[in-house]
């Protein structure tokens, strides 16, 4: 393992699930579990206390669910990215989590290596949508939160390089991966991302992914764990 450890906050109301996640996200692989929550109501205090790099968030909890907890985190000064844990049939909840600002989602029964890759990607500033349910979830998302630019004309405002960056965002790449792929610095990547969000009136990377899917820049098979390991 190289580089700094990724600090993870686990949020799930089932101890058995949290125990399984602890076994997968091991220190020897570059992770440290800094805290655990059994309900979304505990998340704000836990984030303030432990300053995690990523929050691994269940959706179905008794008092405060994962959607509300994710939305509440957006009001924090420097909110950590949220990776949602879900089951196969949670399309409505998943689309709600994207609207709330989650950086992505992964199925609870995914292989350990896919979960590890997804947590790393989100912690590094990327987004991750599990390809097993992405198409359905985006269809649900669009019925409630349609694209602000249905005809795609705003794409003409992007430079060729910005289009390249948008395509890589749509495939779930982090800024670091985009920089390596295109041979540009992290500062330049951040600048391009900012311009893309401004020109397309997008609030975050999840919205950028939806936009990329809506306008044919990427397709569901282009994103998620099958794109290969993070560099």
Protein backbone atom coordinates (compact mmCIF):
# COMPACT_ATOMS: atom_id res chain seq x y z
CA UNK A 1 0.00 0.00 0.00
CA UNK A 2 1.31 3.44 -0.93
CA UNK A 3 0.05 6.93 -0.19
CA UNK A 4 -2.00 8.18 2.76
CA UNK A 5 -4.67 6.03 4.32
CA UNK A 6 -8.27 6.65 3.30
CA UNK A 7 -10.40 7.52 6.33
CA UNK A 8 -13.84 5.88 6.10
CA UNK A 9 -17.01 6.47 8.12
CA UNK A 10 -19.43 3.51 8.02
CA UNK A 11 -23.16 4.27 8.24
CA UNK A 12 -25.47 1.24 8.40
CA UNK A 13 -28.06 0.15 10.94
CA UNK A 14 -26.97 -3.49 10.73
CA UNK A 15 -23.93 -4.47 12.77
CA UNK A 16 -23.43 -7.51 10.53
CA UNK A 17 -23.06 -5.27 7.48
CA UNK A 18 -20.64 -2.94 9.25
CA UNK A 19 -18.60 -5.92 10.42
CA UNK A 20 -18.34 -7.19 6.85
CA UNK A 21 -17.23 -3.78 5.63
CA UNK A 22 -14.56 -3.62 8.33
CA UNK A 23 -13.18 -6.94 7.10
CA UNK A 24 -13.03 -5.69 3.50
CA UNK A 25 -11.67 -2.18 4.08
CA UNK A 26 -8.48 -3.16 5.87
CA UNK A 27 -5.62 -0.99 7.01
CA UNK A 28 -3.11 -3.08 5.07
CA UNK A 29 -5.00 -2.13 1.89
CA UNK A 30 -4.89 1.57 2.72
CA UNK A 31 -8.10 2.12 4.68
CA UNK A 32 -8.85 3.07 8.28
CA UNK A 33 -12.37 2.94 9.70
CA UNK A 34 -12.51 6.13 11.77
CA UNK A 35 -16.08 5.75 12.99
CA UNK A 36 -19.39 3.95 12.67
CA UNK A 37 -23.01 5.12 12.78
CA UNK A 38 -26.16 3.03 13.16
CA UNK A 39 -28.44 5.81 11.89
CA UNK A 40 -28.26 8.87 9.67
CA UNK A 41 -29.00 11.11 12.65
CA UNK A 42 -25.52 10.31 13.99
CA UNK A 43 -23.68 11.32 10.83
CA UNK A 44 -23.15 15.09 11.29
CA UNK A 45 -21.50 14.68 14.70
CA UNK A 46 -19.43 11.71 13.50
CA UNK A 47 -18.19 13.64 10.46
CA UNK A 48 -17.28 16.64 12.62
CA UNK A 49 -15.40 14.40 15.06
CA UNK A 50 -13.60 12.06 12.67
CA UNK A 51 -13.21 14.10 9.43
CA UNK A 52 -13.49 11.09 7.10
CA UNK A 53 -12.34 11.14 3.49
CA UNK A 54 -15.46 9.26 2.42
CA UNK A 55 -18.77 8.24 3.99
CA UNK A 56 -20.11 4.78 3.13
CA UNK A 57 -23.85 5.30 3.55
CA UNK A 58 -26.75 2.88 3.82
CA UNK A 59 -30.08 4.18 2.49
CA UNK A 60 -32.67 2.42 4.64
CA UNK A 61 -32.39 3.42 8.32
CA UNK A 62 -35.08 3.87 10.96
CA UNK A 63 -34.80 7.49 12.11
CA UNK A 64 -32.90 9.44 9.45
CA UNK A 65 -32.41 7.67 6.13
CA UNK A 66 -29.36 7.90 3.90
CA UNK A 67 -30.91 10.43 1.51
CA UNK A 68 -31.64 12.94 4.26
CA UNK A 69 -28.26 12.31 5.90
CA UNK A 70 -26.51 12.90 2.58
CA UNK A 71 -28.47 16.09 1.97
CA UNK A 72 -27.72 17.33 5.49
CA UNK A 73 -23.98 16.82 4.90
CA UNK A 74 -24.04 19.28 2.00
CA UNK A 75 -24.47 22.11 4.48
CA UNK A 76 -21.14 21.32 6.12
CA UNK A 77 -18.16 23.57 5.41
CA UNK A 78 -16.18 20.81 3.68
CA UNK A 79 -18.50 17.82 3.32
CA UNK A 80 -16.87 14.46 2.56
CA UNK A 81 -18.10 12.58 -0.51
CA UNK A 82 -20.79 9.97 0.06
CA UNK A 83 -20.79 6.50 -1.51
CA UNK A 84 -24.20 4.87 -1.11
CA UNK A 85 -24.63 1.19 -0.28
CA UNK A 86 -27.75 -0.31 -1.80
CA UNK A 87 -29.66 -3.39 -2.85
CA UNK A 88 -30.61 -4.22 -6.42
CA UNK A 89 -34.19 -2.88 -6.29
CA UNK A 90 -33.65 0.56 -4.71
CA UNK A 91 -33.96 2.62 -7.91
CA UNK A 92 -36.12 5.39 -6.40
CA UNK A 93 -33.88 5.70 -3.35
CA UNK A 94 -30.76 5.73 -5.50
CA UNK A 95 -32.04 8.49 -7.74
CA UNK A 96 -32.93 10.39 -4.58
CA UNK A 97 -29.41 9.92 -3.26
CA UNK A 98 -27.99 11.42 -6.46
CA UNK A 99 -30.29 14.43 -6.12
CA UNK A 100 -29.12 14.74 -2.50
CA UNK A 101 -25.52 14.94 -3.68
CA UNK A 102 -24.10 11.42 -3.35
CA UNK A 103 -20.98 10.77 -5.42
CA UNK A 104 -22.23 7.36 -6.44
CA UNK A 105 -23.59 4.02 -5.35
CA UNK A 106 -22.56 0.38 -5.21
CA UNK A 107 -24.54 -2.79 -4.54
CA UNK A 108 -24.11 -4.40 -1.13
CA UNK A 109 -23.40 -7.77 -2.71
CA UNK A 110 -20.63 -6.46 -4.99
CA UNK A 111 -17.28 -8.27 -4.90
CA UNK A 112 -14.83 -6.94 -2.33
CA UNK A 113 -12.44 -5.66 -4.99
CA UNK A 114 -15.24 -3.59 -6.57
CA UNK A 115 -16.14 -2.04 -3.24
CA UNK A 116 -12.49 -1.21 -2.55
CA UNK A 117 -12.12 0.39 -5.97
CA UNK A 118 -15.33 2.39 -5.54
CA UNK A 119 -14.34 3.74 -2.12
CA UNK A 120 -10.94 4.78 -3.47
CA UNK A 121 -12.46 6.46 -6.50
CA UNK A 122 -14.95 8.48 -4.46
CA UNK A 123 -12.37 9.40 -1.81
CA UNK A 124 -10.12 10.77 -4.58
CA UNK A 125 -12.87 13.03 -5.89
CA UNK A 126 -14.35 10.74 -8.53
CA UNK A 127 -17.86 9.33 -8.91
CA UNK A 128 -18.95 5.71 -9.11
CA UNK A 129 -22.23 4.34 -10.44
CA UNK A 130 -22.65 0.57 -10.28
CA UNK A 131 -23.26 -0.54 -13.89
CA UNK A 132 -25.69 -3.25 -12.74
CA UNK A 133 -28.35 -0.65 -11.98
CA UNK A 134 -27.10 2.58 -13.55
CA UNK A 135 -29.43 2.61 -16.56
CA UNK A 136 -32.56 2.11 -14.46
CA UNK A 137 -31.50 4.60 -11.80
CA UNK A 138 -30.73 7.32 -14.33
CA UNK A 139 -34.11 6.77 -15.97
CA UNK A 140 -35.76 7.26 -12.57
CA UNK A 141 -33.56 10.29 -11.84
CA UNK A 142 -34.55 11.99 -15.06
CA UNK A 143 -38.30 11.65 -14.38
CA UNK A 144 -37.87 13.79 -11.26
CA UNK A 145 -34.84 15.92 -12.14
CA UNK A 146 -34.74 16.36 -15.93
CA UNK A 147 -31.65 17.81 -17.50
CA UNK A 148 -31.52 21.61 -17.49
CA UNK A 149 -30.54 21.44 -21.14
CA UNK A 150 -32.75 18.98 -22.94
CA UNK A 151 -31.53 19.73 -26.45
CA UNK A 152 -27.82 19.57 -25.60
CA UNK A 153 -27.03 22.90 -27.25
CA UNK A 154 -24.86 23.94 -24.33
CA UNK A 155 -22.37 21.26 -25.31
CA UNK A 156 -21.26 23.56 -28.11
CA UNK A 157 -19.97 25.95 -25.44
CA UNK A 158 -17.41 23.38 -24.28
CA UNK A 159 -13.93 23.22 -25.73
CA UNK A 160 -12.63 19.92 -27.12
CA UNK A 161 -10.57 19.43 -23.96
CA UNK A 162 -13.57 20.12 -21.74
CA UNK A 163 -15.54 17.50 -23.67
CA UNK A 164 -12.73 15.03 -23.00
CA UNK A 165 -12.86 15.85 -19.31
CA UNK A 166 -16.67 15.53 -19.20
CA UNK A 167 -16.45 12.10 -20.83
CA UNK A 168 -13.98 10.94 -18.19
CA UNK A 169 -16.13 12.36 -15.39
CA UNK A 170 -19.01 10.39 -16.88
CA UNK A 171 -16.91 7.23 -16.67
CA UNK A 172 -16.32 7.87 -12.97
CA UNK A 173 -12.70 9.03 -13.12
CA UNK A 174 -11.24 11.14 -10.34
CA UNK A 175 -9.37 14.37 -11.07
CA UNK A 176 -6.09 12.55 -10.62
CA UNK A 177 -7.07 9.87 -13.12
CA UNK A 178 -8.27 12.50 -15.60
CA UNK A 179 -4.95 14.30 -15.32
CA UNK A 180 -2.99 11.12 -15.96
CA UNK A 181 -5.25 10.09 -18.84
CA UNK A 182 -4.98 13.46 -20.60
CA UNK A 183 -1.44 14.37 -19.54
CA UNK A 184 -2.44 17.56 -17.74
CA UNK A 185 -1.92 18.85 -14.20
CA UNK A 186 -4.39 18.55 -11.35
CA UNK A 187 -4.80 22.32 -11.32
CA UNK A 188 -5.72 22.28 -15.00
CA UNK A 189 -8.22 19.46 -14.45
CA UNK A 190 -9.90 21.43 -11.65
CA UNK A 191 -10.11 24.44 -13.92
CA UNK A 192 -11.73 22.43 -16.70
CA UNK A 193 -14.21 20.84 -14.26
CA UNK A 194 -15.18 24.26 -12.94
CA UNK A 195 -15.74 25.58 -16.45
CA UNK A 196 -17.86 22.53 -17.34
CA UNK A 197 -20.06 22.95 -14.28
CA UNK A 198 -20.50 26.65 -15.01
CA UNK A 199 -21.21 26.30 -18.73
CA UNK A 200 -23.65 23.40 -18.30
CA UNK A 201 -25.21 24.71 -15.08
CA UNK A 202 -24.30 21.57 -13.14
CA UNK A 203 -24.00 21.47 -9.36
CA UNK A 204 -21.72 18.45 -8.87
CA UNK A 205 -20.10 15.36 -10.41
CA UNK A 206 -23.24 13.24 -10.07
CA UNK A 207 -25.15 15.80 -12.13
CA UNK A 208 -22.30 15.80 -14.65
CA UNK A 209 -22.52 12.03 -14.97
CA UNK A 210 -26.27 12.23 -15.60
CA UNK A 211 -25.67 14.94 -18.20
CA UNK A 212 -23.03 12.82 -19.92
CA UNK A 213 -25.42 9.86 -20.10
CA UNK A 214 -28.34 12.02 -21.25
CA UNK A 215 -26.36 13.44 -24.17
CA UNK A 216 -24.70 10.24 -25.37
CA UNK A 217 -21.19 11.13 -24.22
CA UNK A 218 -21.02 7.90 -22.22
CA UNK A 219 -23.26 4.86 -21.80
CA UNK A 220 -23.92 2.69 -18.72
CA UNK A 221 -21.29 0.17 -19.76
CA UNK A 222 -18.61 2.86 -19.75
CA UNK A 223 -18.70 3.48 -16.00
CA UNK A 224 -18.31 1.64 -12.73
CA UNK A 225 -15.92 -1.08 -11.52
CA UNK A 226 -15.46 -2.68 -14.93
CA UNK A 227 -13.44 0.29 -16.19
CA UNK A 228 -10.28 -1.10 -14.57
CA UNK A 229 -8.33 -0.29 -11.43
CA UNK A 230 -7.64 3.24 -10.35
CA UNK A 231 -4.18 4.41 -11.22
